[in-house]
C-alpha atoms as a PDB file:
ATOM      1  CA  MET A   1      61.629-103.596  46.718  1.00  0.00           C
ATOM      2  CA  ASP A   2      63.644-104.336  43.607  1.00  0.00           C
ATOM      3  CA  GLU A   3      62.011-104.377  40.197  1.00  0.00           C
ATOM      4  CA  MET A   4      62.730-106.726  37.315  1.00  0.00           C
ATOM      5  CA  ILE A   5      65.074-105.267  34.719  1.00  0.00           C
ATOM      6  CA  ALA A   6      63.272-104.003  31.553  1.00  0.00           C
ATOM      7  CA  THR A   7      59.962-103.453  33.385  1.00  0.00           C
ATOM      8  CA  ILE A   8      58.259-100.300  32.109  1.00  0.00           C
ATOM      9  CA  LYS A   9      55.974 -98.246  34.335  1.00  0.00           C
ATOM     10  CA  MET A  10      54.030 -95.038  34.007  1.00  0.00           C
ATOM     11  CA  PHE A  11      55.398 -92.438  36.430  1.00  0.00           C
ATOM     12  CA  ALA A  12      53.924 -89.051  37.360  1.00  0.00           C
ATOM     13  CA  GLY A  13      57.178 -87.674  38.783  1.00  0.00           C
ATOM     14  CA  THR A  14      59.464 -85.148  37.125  1.00  0.00           C
ATOM     15  CA  TYR A  15      62.596 -87.310  37.477  1.00  0.00           C
ATOM     16  CA  ALA A  16      63.392 -90.981  36.964  1.00  0.00           C
ATOM     17  CA  PRO A  17      63.901 -92.736  40.335  1.00  0.00           C
ATOM     18  CA  ALA A  18      67.087 -94.652  41.172  1.00  0.00           C
ATOM     19  CA  ASN A  19      67.547 -97.745  38.958  1.00  0.00           C
ATOM     20  CA  PHE A  20      65.108 -96.365  36.342  1.00  0.00           C
ATOM     21  CA  MET A  21      65.480 -94.200  33.232  1.00  0.00           C
ATOM     22  CA  PHE A  22      62.931 -92.374  31.096  1.00  0.00           C
ATOM     23  CA  CYS A  23      61.681 -94.270  28.030  1.00  0.00           C
ATOM     24  CA  ASP A  24      62.918 -91.520  25.728  1.00  0.00           C
ATOM     25  CA  GLY A  25      64.973 -93.404  23.144  1.00  0.00           C
ATOM     26  CA  SER A  26      68.297 -92.668  24.870  1.00  0.00           C
ATOM     27  CA  LEU A  27      71.339 -94.556  23.607  1.00  0.00           C
ATOM     28  CA  LEU A  28      73.086 -96.543  26.347  1.00  0.00           C
ATOM     29  CA  GLN A  29      76.504 -98.197  26.429  1.00  0.00           C
ATOM     30  CA  ILE A  30      76.224-101.998  26.280  1.00  0.00           C
ATOM     31  CA  MET A  31      79.199-102.397  28.639  1.00  0.00           C
ATOM     32  CA  GLN A  32      77.436-100.320  31.300  1.00  0.00           C
ATOM     33  CA  TYR A  33      74.009-102.035  31.022  1.00  0.00           C
ATOM     34  CA  GLN A  34      74.809-105.596  29.903  1.00  0.00           C
ATOM     35  CA  ALA A  35      71.836-107.195  31.684  1.00  0.00           C
ATOM     36  CA  LEU A  36      69.327-104.795  30.135  1.00  0.00           C
ATOM     37  CA  PHE A  37      70.953-105.207  26.707  1.00  0.00           C
ATOM     38  CA  SER A  38      70.657-109.003  27.014  1.00  0.00           C
ATOM     39  CA  LEU A  39      66.889-108.545  27.426  1.00  0.00           C
ATOM     40  CA  ILE A  40      65.997-105.873  24.845  1.00  0.00           C
ATOM     41  CA  GLY A  41      68.969-105.936  22.446  1.00  0.00           C
ATOM     42  CA  THR A  42      68.703-103.471  19.574  1.00  0.00           C
ATOM     43  CA  THR A  43      64.917-103.808  19.306  1.00  0.00           C
ATOM     44  CA  TYR A  44      64.594-100.046  19.888  1.00  0.00           C
ATOM     45  CA  GLY A  45      67.806 -98.912  18.183  1.00  0.00           C
ATOM     46  CA  GLY A  46      71.556 -98.739  18.635  1.00  0.00           C
ATOM     47  CA  ASP A  47      74.405-100.364  16.735  1.00  0.00           C
ATOM     48  CA  GLY A  48      74.519-103.579  18.830  1.00  0.00           C
ATOM     49  CA  MET A  49      78.317-103.303  19.072  1.00  0.00           C
ATOM     50  CA  ARG A  50      78.711-100.495  21.590  1.00  0.00           C
ATOM     51  CA  THR A  51      75.213 -99.032  22.016  1.00  0.00           C
ATOM     52  CA  PHE A  52      71.554 -99.924  22.288  1.00  0.00           C
ATOM     53  CA  ALA A  53      68.486 -97.694  22.729  1.00  0.00           C
ATOM     54  CA  LEU A  54      65.734 -97.514  25.273  1.00  0.00           C
ATOM     55  CA  PRO A  55      62.152 -97.568  23.955  1.00  0.00           C
ATOM     56  CA  ASN A  56      60.962 -94.079  23.027  1.00  0.00           C
ATOM     57  CA  LEU A  57      57.457 -93.558  24.379  1.00  0.00           C
ATOM     58  CA  ASN A  58      57.542 -89.758  24.148  1.00  0.00           C
ATOM     59  CA  GLY A  59      54.214 -88.807  22.549  1.00  0.00           C
ATOM     60  CA  ARG A  60      53.370 -92.458  21.851  1.00  0.00           C
ATOM     61  CA  LEU A  61      50.986 -95.031  23.269  1.00  0.00           C
ATOM     62  CA  PRO A  62      52.306 -98.540  23.934  1.00  0.00           C
ATOM     63  CA  VAL A  63      50.445-101.342  22.149  1.00  0.00           C
ATOM     64  CA  GLY A  64      50.699-105.052  22.892  1.00  0.00           C
ATOM     65  CA  ALA A  65      52.985-106.888  20.462  1.00  0.00           C
ATOM     66  CA  GLY A  66      51.844-110.012  18.622  1.00  0.00           C
ATOM     67  CA  ASN A  67      48.796-111.051  16.633  1.00  0.00           C
ATOM     68  CA  SER A  68      45.436-109.582  17.510  1.00  0.00           C
ATOM     69  CA  THR A  69      41.869-110.508  16.664  1.00  0.00           C
ATOM     70  CA  THR A  70      41.705-107.421  14.399  1.00  0.00           C
ATOM     71  CA  GLY A  71      44.098-109.026  11.925  1.00  0.00           C
ATOM     72  CA  LYS A  72      46.840-106.480  12.675  1.00  0.00           C
ATOM     73  CA  SER A  73      50.111-108.041  13.762  1.00  0.00           C
ATOM     74  CA  VAL A  74      52.396-105.712  15.733  1.00  0.00           C
ATOM     75  CA  GLN A  75      56.056-106.636  16.043  1.00  0.00           C
ATOM     76  CA  LEU A  76      58.009-105.935  19.228  1.00  0.00           C
ATOM     77  CA  GLY A  77      59.639-102.515  18.753  1.00  0.00           C
ATOM     78  CA  GLU A  78      57.435-101.560  15.780  1.00  0.00           C
ATOM     79  CA  ALA A  79      56.565 -97.850  15.763  1.00  0.00           C
ATOM     80  CA  ALA A  80      53.733 -96.662  13.543  1.00  0.00           C
ATOM     81  CA  GLY A  81      50.812 -94.270  13.339  1.00  0.00           C
ATOM     82  CA  ASN A  82      50.350 -90.573  12.728  1.00  0.00           C
ATOM     83  CA  TYR A  83      49.297 -87.704  14.942  1.00  0.00           C
ATOM     84  CA  GLN A  84      47.168 -86.395  12.091  1.00  0.00           C
ATOM     85  CA  ASN A  85      46.014 -87.450   8.626  1.00  0.00           C
ATOM     86  CA  THR A  86      44.902 -85.462   5.627  1.00  0.00           C
ATOM     87  CA  LEU A  87      41.649 -86.726   4.166  1.00  0.00           C
ATOM     88  CA  THR A  88      41.712 -86.846   0.398  1.00  0.00           C
ATOM     89  CA  GLU A  89      39.185 -87.965  -2.171  1.00  0.00           C
ATOM     90  CA  ALA A  90      40.881 -91.382  -2.073  1.00  0.00           C
ATOM     91  CA  ASN A  91      40.084 -91.672   1.702  1.00  0.00           C
ATOM     92  CA  LEU A  92      36.415 -90.749   1.355  1.00  0.00           C
ATOM     93  CA  PRO A  93      33.675 -93.244   0.525  1.00  0.00           C
ATOM     94  CA  SER A  94      32.639 -93.410  -3.095  1.00  0.00           C
ATOM     95  CA  PHE A  95      29.228 -92.268  -4.248  1.00  0.00           C
ATOM     96  CA  SER A  96      27.182 -93.941  -6.922  1.00  0.00           C
ATOM     97  CA  GLY A  97      23.607 -93.566  -7.940  1.00  0.00           C
ATOM     98  CA  SER A  98      21.387 -90.557  -8.153  1.00  0.00           C
ATOM     99  CA  ILE A  99      20.243 -87.779  -5.901  1.00  0.00           C
ATOM    100  CA  LYS A 100      16.668 -86.532  -5.812  1.00  0.00           C
ATOM    101  CA  VAL A 101      15.894 -82.846  -5.616  1.00  0.00           C
ATOM    102  CA  ALA A 102      12.562 -81.086  -5.490  1.00  0.00           C
ATOM    103  CA  LYS A 103      11.480 -78.682  -8.195  1.00  0.00           C
ATOM    104  CA  THR A 104       8.443 -76.522  -8.279  1.00  0.00           C
ATOM    105  CA  ASN A 105       7.341 -73.086  -9.273  1.00  0.00           C
ATOM    106  CA  ALA A 106       5.883 -72.377  -5.833  1.00  0.00           C
ATOM    107  CA  ASN A 107       8.720 -71.399  -3.530  1.00  0.00           C
ATOM    108  CA  SER A 108       9.641 -69.605  -0.366  1.00  0.00           C
ATOM    109  CA  THR A 109      12.800 -67.715   0.596  1.00  0.00           C
ATOM    110  CA  THR A 110      12.611 -69.101   4.133  1.00  0.00           C
ATOM    111  CA  PRO A 111      13.401 -72.799   4.699  1.00  0.00           C
ATOM    112  CA  SER A 112      11.485 -75.006   7.114  1.00  0.00           C
ATOM    113  CA  ALA A 113      12.417 -78.369   8.642  1.00  0.00           C
ATOM    114  CA  SER A 114      10.894 -80.211   5.662  1.00  0.00           C
ATOM    115  CA  SER A 115      12.294 -77.968   2.916  1.00  0.00           C
ATOM    116  CA  SER A 116      14.407 -78.960  -0.044  1.00  0.00           C
ATOM    117  CA  ILE A 117      16.499 -76.588  -2.107  1.00  0.00           C
ATOM    118  CA  ALA A 118      14.709 -75.441  -5.249  1.00  0.00           C
ATOM    119  CA  ILE A 119      15.975 -73.172  -7.973  1.00  0.00           C
ATOM    120  CA  THR A 120      13.324 -71.217  -9.753  1.00  0.00           C
ATOM    121  CA  GLY A 121      13.741 -68.236 -11.957  1.00  0.00           C
ATOM    122  CA  THR A 122      12.759 -66.506 -15.118  1.00  0.00           C
ATOM    123  CA  PRO A 123      13.896 -67.087 -18.659  1.00  0.00           C
ATOM    124  CA  ASN A 124      15.815 -64.147 -20.107  1.00  0.00           C
ATOM    125  CA  GLY A 125      16.346 -64.858 -23.767  1.00  0.00           C
ATOM    126  CA  ARG A 126      18.899 -67.655 -23.907  1.00  0.00           C
ATOM    127  CA  ASP A 127      19.815 -67.098 -20.237  1.00  0.00           C
ATOM    128  CA  PHE A 128      18.044 -68.073 -17.074  1.00  0.00           C
ATOM    129  CA  ASN A 129      17.947 -65.803 -14.031  1.00  0.00           C
ATOM    130  CA  PRO A 130      17.912 -68.223 -11.078  1.00  0.00           C
ATOM    131  CA  ILE A 131      16.253 -67.341  -7.801  1.00  0.00           C
ATOM    132  CA  PRO A 132      17.491 -69.601  -4.983  1.00  0.00           C
ATOM    133  CA  SER A 133      14.585 -70.698  -2.856  1.00  0.00           C
ATOM    134  CA  TYR A 134      13.128 -73.589  -0.889  1.00  0.00           C
ATOM    135  CA  VAL A 135      10.152 -75.826  -1.405  1.00  0.00           C
ATOM    136  CA  ASP A 136       8.210 -77.985   1.044  1.00  0.00           C
ATOM    137  CA  GLY A 137       7.619 -81.347  -0.510  1.00  0.00           C
ATOM    138  CA  ASN A 138       9.229 -84.628  -1.421  1.00  0.00           C
ATOM    139  CA  PRO A 139      12.108 -84.667  -3.896  1.00  0.00           C
ATOM    140  CA  ASP A 140      10.819 -85.581  -7.342  1.00  0.00           C
ATOM    141  CA  THR A 141      13.702 -85.182  -9.787  1.00  0.00           C
ATOM    142  CA  LEU A 142      16.806 -87.375 -10.170  1.00  0.00           C
ATOM    143  CA  ILE A 143      20.169 -85.788 -10.895  1.00  0.00           C
ATOM    144  CA  SER A 144      23.327 -87.597 -11.920  1.00  0.00           C
ATOM    145  CA  GLY A 145      25.783 -88.728  -9.248  1.00  0.00           C
ATOM    146  CA  GLN A 146      28.466 -87.079 -11.403  1.00  0.00           C
ATOM    147  CA  SER A 147      26.947 -83.755 -10.388  1.00  0.00           C
ATOM    148  CA  VAL A 148      28.025 -84.401  -6.799  1.00  0.00           C
ATOM    149  CA  PHE A 149      31.667 -83.994  -5.861  1.00  0.00           C
ATOM    150  CA  HIS A 150      33.813 -83.819  -2.752  1.00  0.00           C
ATOM    151  CA  GLN A 151      35.274 -80.474  -1.934  1.00  0.00           C
ATOM    152  CA  GLY A 152      37.530 -79.576   0.945  1.00  0.00           C
ATOM    153  CA  GLN A 153      40.617 -77.793   2.119  1.00  0.00           C
ATOM    154  CA  SER A 154      42.962 -80.824   2.396  1.00  0.00           C
ATOM    155  CA  ALA A 155      43.567 -79.735   5.987  1.00  0.00           C
ATOM    156  CA  PRO A 156      45.034 -82.324   8.383  1.00  0.00           C
ATOM    157  CA  VAL A 157      42.621 -84.011  10.788  1.00  0.00           C
ATOM    158  CA  ASN A 158      43.841 -84.589  14.356  1.00  0.00           C
ATOM    159  CA  ASN A 159      43.964 -88.298  15.281  1.00  0.00           C
ATOM    160  CA  MET A 160      44.857 -87.876  18.953  1.00  0.00           C
ATOM    161  CA  PRO A 161      42.269 -89.019  21.484  1.00  0.00           C
ATOM    162  CA  PRO A 162      42.015 -86.997  24.692  1.00  0.00           C
ATOM    163  CA  TYR A 163      45.339 -87.388  26.486  1.00  0.00           C
ATOM    164  CA  LEU A 164      47.375 -86.493  29.554  1.00  0.00           C
ATOM    165  CA  GLY A 165      51.153 -86.322  29.368  1.00  0.00           C
ATOM    166  CA  MET A 166      52.880 -88.789  31.715  1.00  0.00           C
ATOM    167  CA  ASN A 167      56.373 -90.240  31.937  1.00  0.00           C
ATOM    168  CA  TYR A 168      57.248 -93.850  31.167  1.00  0.00           C
ATOM    169  CA  ILE A 169      60.235 -95.246  33.012  1.00  0.00           C
ATOM    170  CA  ILE A 170      62.172 -98.472  32.495  1.00  0.00           C
ATOM    171  CA  CYS A 171      64.074-100.415  35.131  1.00  0.00           C
ATOM    172  CA  VAL A 172      67.747-100.515  34.123  1.00  0.00           C
ATOM    173  CA  ASN A 173      69.172-102.083  37.328  1.00  0.00           C
ATOM    174  CA  GLY A 174      67.337-104.671  39.379  1.00  0.00           C
ATOM    175  CA  ILE A 175      66.381-108.330  39.378  1.00  0.00           C
ATOM    176  CA  TYR A 176      67.239-110.277  36.238  1.00  0.00           C
ATOM    177  CA  PRO A 177      63.973-111.984  35.184  1.00  0.00           C
ATOM    178  CA  PRO A 178      64.232-115.790  35.221  1.00  0.00           C
ATOM    179  CA  ARG A 179      63.152-117.739  32.169  1.00  0.00           C
ATOM    180  CA  PRO A 180      60.124-120.016  32.588  1.00  0.00           C
END
């Protein structure tokens, strides 16, 4: 059975079957694949005079082109996205308001499920010798939101969902698709 030219399929084989090529961004000669060029043009690359490129789906997921209900419009041949992002303070949600902490003189060095962090200690002249501890009870003291800050390593975060490597193939010789 012949396939329509420019049809892309997922293929589990290790080679591209007759009349198909891998979707790997290869440059093809227009003179050799005129029918395919008439369908995809230079959408995926090439100079349009002597060469054109196949779509490159190596390490990429295909996404339907056009307008979507999410408000994102994807153009045919548009390639975007990152395998990983680095979260920065600009990416994180802002914080405003206050945070409550518990304070008390009665403390324990062992936290429980209802504990809050409490810092107690003893005055030492002008200094204070803190003793980190925990207190069971409801928070009762507000602290400024400016006392809270984001801290991290600026390490990249992987964006890839679970995946399985497969080959995409495109029909380069076959039935020329009729226009509606």
